[in-house]
Structures are given as C-alpha cells and as structure tokens.
Amino acid sequence: MSNTTHPTPDAVTPMWHTSSYSGGQGNCVEVAPNLPHLVPVRDSKRPAGPALAFSPDAWRAFVADLG
C-alpha cells in the first residue's frame, strides 16, 4: 500500500485563473476565486510575489464597476 499523498484543490489552496483578455501573453492579473472568505489577486509575472486580498463582496463591487 502506498503512503503517497496527492494534492487536491480545496478551500485552502488558491486556484489561480488568468483573465481571458491577456491573450496568453502572461502579462495580466490572476485571481483565485475558490476561497470562501477571501479573493486573492496577484500579478501573473510575479506568481511568488505578494497578492492583494479582497472580501468577496468588495471584489464583486470592484468587478461590477469595471463594466
């Protein structure tokens, strides 16, 4: 029997998504909307760098203002 653990997406691991508007250039904002009480946002050019954190309500309001 193997004792190997395989990581699975959960509510603790950010699942980063890049905007479709980036056109695959890699110069965009990434967001991880899978966390229940936090929406982290980071620069795709610096994935190990800092991330900003928003409440889900604040992020929805920000995105709504963009349109």
PDB file of N, CA and C in Angstrom:
ATOM      1  N   MET A   1       0.847  -1.182   0.000  1.00  0.00           N
ATOM      2  CA  MET A   1       0.000   0.000   0.000  1.00  0.00           C
ATOM      3  C   MET A   1       0.888   1.239   0.000  1.00  0.00           C
ATOM      4  N   SER A   2       0.537   2.188  -0.834  1.00  0.00           N
ATOM      5  CA  SER A   2       1.322   3.408  -0.962  1.00  0.00           C
ATOM      6  C   SER A   2       0.851   4.445   0.051  1.00  0.00           C
ATOM      7  N   ASN A   3       1.798   5.200   0.563  1.00  0.00           N
ATOM      8  CA  ASN A   3       1.501   6.277   1.501  1.00  0.00           C
ATOM      9  C   ASN A   3       1.599   7.631   0.822  1.00  0.00           C
ATOM     10  N   THR A   4       1.660   7.657  -0.505  1.00  0.00           N
ATOM     11  CA  THR A   4       1.824   8.892  -1.263  1.00  0.00           C
ATOM     12  C   THR A   4       0.555   9.726  -1.197  1.00  0.00           C
ATOM     13  N   THR A   5       0.728  10.990  -0.923  1.00  0.00           N
ATOM     14  CA  THR A   5      -0.397  11.921  -0.893  1.00  0.00           C
ATOM     15  C   THR A   5      -0.345  12.800  -2.129  1.00  0.00           C
ATOM     16  N   HIS A   6      -1.466  12.923  -2.795  1.00  0.00           N
ATOM     17  CA  HIS A   6      -1.555  13.786  -3.969  1.00  0.00           C
ATOM     18  C   HIS A   6      -2.371  15.016  -3.609  1.00  0.00           C
ATOM     19  N   PRO A   7      -1.819  16.200  -3.852  1.00  0.00           N
ATOM     20  CA  PRO A   7      -2.578  17.410  -3.516  1.00  0.00           C
ATOM     21  C   PRO A   7      -3.839  17.520  -4.362  1.00  0.00           C
ATOM     22  N   THR A   8      -4.899  17.941  -3.730  1.00  0.00           N
ATOM     23  CA  THR A   8      -6.156  18.175  -4.438  1.00  0.00           C
ATOM     24  C   THR A   8      -6.617  19.585  -4.141  1.00  0.00           C
ATOM     25  N   PRO A   9      -7.312  20.205  -5.092  1.00  0.00           N
ATOM     26  CA  PRO A   9      -7.823  21.554  -4.836  1.00  0.00           C
ATOM     27  C   PRO A   9      -8.793  21.530  -3.661  1.00  0.00           C
ATOM     28  N   ASP A  10      -8.692  22.507  -2.820  1.00  0.00           N
ATOM     29  CA  ASP A  10      -9.598  22.622  -1.692  1.00  0.00           C
ATOM     30  C   ASP A  10      -9.817  24.093  -1.370  1.00  0.00           C
ATOM     31  N   ALA A  11     -10.456  24.350  -0.272  1.00  0.00           N
ATOM     32  CA  ALA A  11     -10.772  25.727   0.102  1.00  0.00           C
ATOM     33  C   ALA A  11      -9.581  26.446   0.726  1.00  0.00           C
ATOM     34  N   VAL A  12      -8.410  25.808   0.783  1.00  0.00           N
ATOM     35  CA  VAL A  12      -7.230  26.434   1.370  1.00  0.00           C
ATOM     36  C   VAL A  12      -6.204  26.779   0.294  1.00  0.00           C
ATOM     37  N   THR A  13      -6.166  26.038  -0.784  1.00  0.00           N
ATOM     38  CA  THR A  13      -5.198  26.243  -1.853  1.00  0.00           C
ATOM     39  C   THR A  13      -5.791  27.151  -2.929  1.00  0.00           C
ATOM     40  N   PRO A  14      -5.194  28.309  -3.172  1.00  0.00           N
ATOM     41  CA  PRO A  14      -5.718  29.178  -4.238  1.00  0.00           C
ATOM     42  C   PRO A  14      -5.596  28.499  -5.598  1.00  0.00           C
ATOM     43  N   MET A  15      -6.661  28.550  -6.365  1.00  0.00           N
ATOM     44  CA  MET A  15      -6.658  28.042  -7.737  1.00  0.00           C
ATOM     45  C   MET A  15      -6.659  29.273  -8.641  1.00  0.00           C
ATOM     46  N   TRP A  16      -5.472  29.651  -9.113  1.00  0.00           N
ATOM     47  CA  TRP A  16      -5.285  30.892  -9.853  1.00  0.00           C
ATOM     48  C   TRP A  16      -5.835  30.792 -11.274  1.00  0.00           C
ATOM     49  N   HIS A  17      -6.491  31.860 -11.706  1.00  0.00           N
ATOM     50  CA  HIS A  17      -7.026  31.975 -13.058  1.00  0.00           C
ATOM     51  C   HIS A  17      -6.538  33.287 -13.652  1.00  0.00           C
ATOM     52  N   THR A  18      -6.118  33.231 -14.909  1.00  0.00           N
ATOM     53  CA  THR A  18      -5.676  34.424 -15.630  1.00  0.00           C
ATOM     54  C   THR A  18      -6.819  34.899 -16.515  1.00  0.00           C
ATOM     55  N   SER A  19      -6.969  36.178 -16.634  1.00  0.00           N
ATOM     56  CA  SER A  19      -8.014  36.753 -17.470  1.00  0.00           C
ATOM     57  C   SER A  19      -7.887  36.294 -18.918  1.00  0.00           C
ATOM     58  N   SER A  20      -9.013  36.025 -19.552  1.00  0.00           N
ATOM     59  CA  SER A  20      -9.001  35.666 -20.978  1.00  0.00           C
ATOM     60  C   SER A  20      -8.572  36.856 -21.828  1.00  0.00           C
ATOM     61  N   TYR A  21      -8.624  38.050 -21.285  1.00  0.00           N
ATOM     62  CA  TYR A  21      -8.200  39.245 -22.019  1.00  0.00           C
ATOM     63  C   TYR A  21      -6.683  39.336 -22.168  1.00  0.00           C
ATOM     64  N   SER A  22      -5.946  38.508 -21.443  1.00  0.00           N
ATOM     65  CA  SER A  22      -4.485  38.566 -21.541  1.00  0.00           C
ATOM     66  C   SER A  22      -3.986  37.985 -22.855  1.00  0.00           C
ATOM     67  N   GLY A  23      -4.815  37.209 -23.540  1.00  0.00           N
ATOM     68  CA  GLY A  23      -4.428  36.643 -24.822  1.00  0.00           C
ATOM     69  C   GLY A  23      -3.258  35.678 -24.722  1.00  0.00           C
ATOM     70  N   GLY A  24      -3.070  35.079 -23.557  1.00  0.00           N
ATOM     71  CA  GLY A  24      -1.979  34.136 -23.382  1.00  0.00           C
ATOM     72  C   GLY A  24      -0.618  34.773 -23.278  1.00  0.00           C
ATOM     73  N   GLN A  25      -0.565  36.081 -23.131  1.00  0.00           N
ATOM     74  CA  GLN A  25       0.707  36.800 -23.046  1.00  0.00           C
ATOM     75  C   GLN A  25       1.383  36.638 -21.692  1.00  0.00           C
ATOM     76  N   GLY A  26       0.623  36.306 -20.673  1.00  0.00           N
ATOM     77  CA  GLY A  26       1.194  36.152 -19.344  1.00  0.00           C
ATOM     78  C   GLY A  26       1.403  37.460 -18.610  1.00  0.00           C
ATOM     79  N   ASN A  27       0.928  38.556 -19.157  1.00  0.00           N
ATOM     80  CA  ASN A  27       1.059  39.871 -18.516  1.00  0.00           C
ATOM     81  C   ASN A  27      -0.312  40.324 -18.054  1.00  0.00           C
ATOM     82  N   CYS A  28      -0.772  39.722 -16.999  1.00  0.00           N
ATOM     83  CA  CYS A  28      -2.131  40.013 -16.584  1.00  0.00           C
ATOM     84  C   CYS A  28      -2.282  39.824 -15.080  1.00  0.00           C
ATOM     85  N   VAL A  29      -3.458  40.092 -14.624  1.00  0.00           N
ATOM     86  CA  VAL A  29      -3.831  39.876 -13.240  1.00  0.00           C
ATOM     87  C   VAL A  29      -4.384  38.463 -13.126  1.00  0.00           C
ATOM     88  N   GLU A  30      -4.020  37.781 -12.046  1.00  0.00           N
ATOM     89  CA  GLU A  30      -4.597  36.475 -11.757  1.00  0.00           C
ATOM     90  C   GLU A  30      -5.436  36.589 -10.499  1.00  0.00           C
ATOM     91  N   VAL A  31      -6.523  35.854 -10.473  1.00  0.00           N
ATOM     92  CA  VAL A  31      -7.420  35.862  -9.328  1.00  0.00           C
ATOM     93  C   VAL A  31      -7.706  34.418  -8.927  1.00  0.00           C
ATOM     94  N   ALA A  32      -7.884  34.196  -7.643  1.00  0.00           N
ATOM     95  CA  ALA A  32      -8.213  32.864  -7.124  1.00  0.00           C
ATOM     96  C   ALA A  32      -9.572  32.949  -6.442  1.00  0.00           C
ATOM     97  N   PRO A  33     -10.654  32.725  -7.186  1.00  0.00           N
ATOM     98  CA  PRO A  33     -11.997  32.896  -6.626  1.00  0.00           C
ATOM     99  C   PRO A  33     -12.525  31.709  -5.837  1.00  0.00           C
ATOM    100  N   ASN A  34     -11.700  30.682  -5.601  1.00  0.00           N
ATOM    101  CA  ASN A  34     -12.199  29.470  -4.948  1.00  0.00           C
ATOM    102  C   ASN A  34     -12.169  29.500  -3.421  1.00  0.00           C
ATOM    103  N   LEU A  35     -11.610  30.518  -2.840  1.00  0.00           N
ATOM    104  CA  LEU A  35     -11.549  30.580  -1.372  1.00  0.00           C
ATOM    105  C   LEU A  35     -12.849  31.178  -0.834  1.00  0.00           C
ATOM    106  N   PRO A  36     -13.412  30.611   0.226  1.00  0.00           N
ATOM    107  CA  PRO A  36     -14.747  31.024   0.664  1.00  0.00           C
ATOM    108  C   PRO A  36     -14.859  32.441   1.227  1.00  0.00           C
ATOM    109  N   HIS A  37     -13.812  32.965   1.878  1.00  0.00           N
ATOM    110  CA  HIS A  37     -13.936  34.266   2.542  1.00  0.00           C
ATOM    111  C   HIS A  37     -12.894  35.268   2.079  1.00  0.00           C
ATOM    112  N   LEU A  38     -12.229  34.972   0.969  1.00  0.00           N
ATOM    113  CA  LEU A  38     -11.121  35.795   0.521  1.00  0.00           C
ATOM    114  C   LEU A  38     -10.955  35.637  -0.993  1.00  0.00           C
ATOM    115  N   VAL A  39     -10.665  36.735  -1.677  1.00  0.00           N
ATOM    116  CA  VAL A  39     -10.366  36.691  -3.107  1.00  0.00           C
ATOM    117  C   VAL A  39      -8.981  37.304  -3.298  1.00  0.00           C
ATOM    118  N   PRO A  40      -7.949  36.452  -3.396  1.00  0.00           N
ATOM    119  CA  PRO A  40      -6.603  36.975  -3.624  1.00  0.00           C
ATOM    120  C   PRO A  40      -6.400  37.322  -5.100  1.00  0.00           C
ATOM    121  N   VAL A  41      -5.609  38.357  -5.330  1.00  0.00           N
ATOM    122  CA  VAL A  41      -5.299  38.835  -6.678  1.00  0.00           C
ATOM    123  C   VAL A  41      -3.797  39.071  -6.742  1.00  0.00           C
ATOM    124  N   ARG A  42      -3.160  38.627  -7.847  1.00  0.00           N
ATOM    125  CA  ARG A  42      -1.710  38.793  -7.973  1.00  0.00           C
ATOM    126  C   ARG A  42      -1.330  39.118  -9.408  1.00  0.00           C
ATOM    127  N   ASP A  43      -0.105  39.545  -9.595  1.00  0.00           N
ATOM    128  CA  ASP A  43       0.470  39.830 -10.903  1.00  0.00           C
ATOM    129  C   ASP A  43       0.973  38.513 -11.491  1.00  0.00           C
ATOM    130  N   SER A  44       0.530  38.164 -12.689  1.00  0.00           N
ATOM    131  CA  SER A  44       0.927  36.888 -13.291  1.00  0.00           C
ATOM    132  C   SER A  44       2.422  36.812 -13.572  1.00  0.00           C
ATOM    133  N   LYS A  45       3.082  37.962 -13.701  1.00  0.00           N
ATOM    134  CA  LYS A  45       4.529  37.970 -13.937  1.00  0.00           C
ATOM    135  C   LYS A  45       5.315  37.661 -12.661  1.00  0.00           C
ATOM    136  N   ARG A  46       4.660  37.755 -11.509  1.00  0.00           N
ATOM    137  CA  ARG A  46       5.326  37.512 -10.221  1.00  0.00           C
ATOM    138  C   ARG A  46       4.494  36.558  -9.364  1.00  0.00           C
ATOM    139  N   PRO A  47       4.342  35.305  -9.807  1.00  0.00           N
ATOM    140  CA  PRO A  47       3.476  34.385  -9.078  1.00  0.00           C
ATOM    141  C   PRO A  47       3.918  34.106  -7.640  1.00  0.00           C
ATOM    142  N   ALA A  48       5.189  34.264  -7.347  1.00  0.00           N
ATOM    143  CA  ALA A  48       5.669  34.058  -5.978  1.00  0.00           C
ATOM    144  C   ALA A  48       5.662  35.370  -5.188  1.00  0.00           C
ATOM    145  N   GLY A  49       5.291  36.445  -5.843  1.00  0.00           N
ATOM    146  CA  GLY A  49       5.283  37.751  -5.187  1.00  0.00           C
ATOM    147  C   GLY A  49       4.043  37.947  -4.335  1.00  0.00           C
ATOM    148  N   PRO A  50       3.835  39.157  -3.873  1.00  0.00           N
ATOM    149  CA  PRO A  50       2.701  39.437  -2.992  1.00  0.00           C
ATOM    150  C   PRO A  50       1.368  39.376  -3.734  1.00  0.00           C
ATOM    151  N   ALA A  51       0.319  39.172  -2.977  1.00  0.00           N
ATOM    152  CA  ALA A  51      -1.041  39.185  -3.515  1.00  0.00           C
ATOM    153  C   ALA A  51      -1.873  40.152  -2.685  1.00  0.00           C
ATOM    154  N   LEU A  52      -2.801  40.803  -3.329  1.00  0.00           N
ATOM    155  CA  LEU A  52      -3.779  41.625  -2.616  1.00  0.00           C
ATOM    156  C   LEU A  52      -4.939  40.721  -2.249  1.00  0.00           C
ATOM    157  N   ALA A  53      -5.590  40.992  -1.144  1.00  0.00           N
ATOM    158  CA  ALA A  53      -6.718  40.170  -0.704  1.00  0.00           C
ATOM    159  C   ALA A  53      -7.953  41.043  -0.523  1.00  0.00           C
ATOM    160  N   PHE A  54      -9.049  40.597  -1.105  1.00  0.00           N
ATOM    161  CA  PHE A  54     -10.318  41.310  -1.027  1.00  0.00           C
ATOM    162  C   PHE A  54     -11.374  40.404  -0.417  1.00  0.00           C
ATOM    163  N   SER A  55     -12.352  41.001   0.219  1.00  0.00           N
ATOM    164  CA  SER A  55     -13.513  40.213   0.638  1.00  0.00           C
ATOM    165  C   SER A  55     -14.306  39.898  -0.640  1.00  0.00           C
ATOM    166  N   PRO A  56     -15.080  38.816  -0.646  1.00  0.00           N
ATOM    167  CA  PRO A  56     -15.879  38.521  -1.842  1.00  0.00           C
ATOM    168  C   PRO A  56     -16.805  39.674  -2.236  1.00  0.00           C
ATOM    169  N   ASP A  57     -17.410  40.345  -1.259  1.00  0.00           N
ATOM    170  CA  ASP A  57     -18.295  41.483  -1.574  1.00  0.00           C
ATOM    171  C   ASP A  57     -17.528  42.634  -2.210  1.00  0.00           C
ATOM    172  N   ALA A  58     -16.344  42.940  -1.685  1.00  0.00           N
ATOM    173  CA  ALA A  58     -15.536  44.030  -2.249  1.00  0.00           C
ATOM    174  C   ALA A  58     -15.083  43.676  -3.661  1.00  0.00           C
ATOM    175  N   TRP A  59     -14.719  42.423  -3.902  1.00  0.00           N
ATOM    176  CA  TRP A  59     -14.287  42.009  -5.244  1.00  0.00           C
ATOM    177  C   TRP A  59     -15.448  42.102  -6.234  1.00  0.00           C
ATOM    178  N   ARG A  60     -16.641  41.644  -5.841  1.00  0.00           N
ATOM    179  CA  ARG A  60     -17.811  41.743  -6.733  1.00  0.00           C
ATOM    180  C   ARG A  60     -18.111  43.198  -7.070  1.00  0.00           C
ATOM    181  N   ALA A  61     -18.014  44.087  -6.090  1.00  0.00           N
ATOM    182  CA  ALA A  61     -18.277  45.504  -6.326  1.00  0.00           C
ATOM    183  C   ALA A  61     -17.231  46.076  -7.274  1.00  0.00           C
ATOM    184  N   PHE A  62     -15.965  45.712  -7.109  1.00  0.00           N
ATOM    185  CA  PHE A  62     -14.889  46.176  -7.984  1.00  0.00           C
ATOM    186  C   PHE A  62     -15.136  45.720  -9.421  1.00  0.00           C
ATOM    187  N   VAL A  63     -15.431  44.442  -9.606  1.00  0.00           N
ATOM    188  CA  VAL A  63     -15.654  43.903 -10.951  1.00  0.00           C
ATOM    189  C   VAL A  63     -16.902  44.537 -11.580  1.00  0.00           C
ATOM    190  N   ALA A  64     -17.954  44.755 -10.785  1.00  0.00           N
ATOM    191  CA  ALA A  64     -19.170  45.380 -11.300  1.00  0.00           C
ATOM    192  C   ALA A  64     -18.886  46.804 -11.791  1.00  0.00           C
ATOM    193  N   ASP A  65     -18.004  47.516 -11.113  1.00  0.00           N
ATOM    194  CA  ASP A  65     -17.656  48.886 -11.513  1.00  0.00           C
ATOM    195  C   ASP A  65     -16.848  48.932 -12.810  1.00  0.00           C
ATOM    196  N   LEU A  66     -16.186  47.829 -13.149  1.00  0.00           N
ATOM    197  CA  LEU A  66     -15.385  47.793 -14.380  1.00  0.00           C
ATOM    198  C   LEU A  66     -16.263  47.808 -15.622  1.00  0.00           C
ATOM    199  N   GLY A  67     -17.449  47.234 -15.527  1.00  0.00           N
ATOM    200  CA  GLY A  67     -18.327  47.097 -16.696  1.00  0.00           C
ATOM    201  C   GLY A  67     -19.145  48.269 -16.904  1.00  0.00           C
TER     202      GLY A  67
END
